[in-house]
Amino acid sequence: MVIANLSYGGLVGVEGLSQEELFLWLQIRGITLNDPSSGLILFDIGAANKQLSISLIEDPPVCKPQQDVIGEHKVLNIISVDL
């Protein structure tokens, strides 16, 4: 589950998202779009910021969860998508 507060130009107080940097998974704290004409989204990961092109998420890939059955229980495996 992802939780965030929507504000003008971004999301603040993001919980539930992380970004891999140098083999470490860092929590994303905020996502902002300061200048739409720049074509960049800024991800706040605490000690650093990461910029990614908007084109990477304009057409998001279709993600379908896989379901495995163990006994009588269905197990949901979440498929992650790297940006």
Foldseek 3Di string as FASTA:
>chain_A
DWDFDDDVFWTAQIPDDWDDDPNDTFTFGMWGDPDVVVQWIWTCRDVDIDIDGVVCPPPDDDFDWDWDDDPNDIDTDGDDDDD
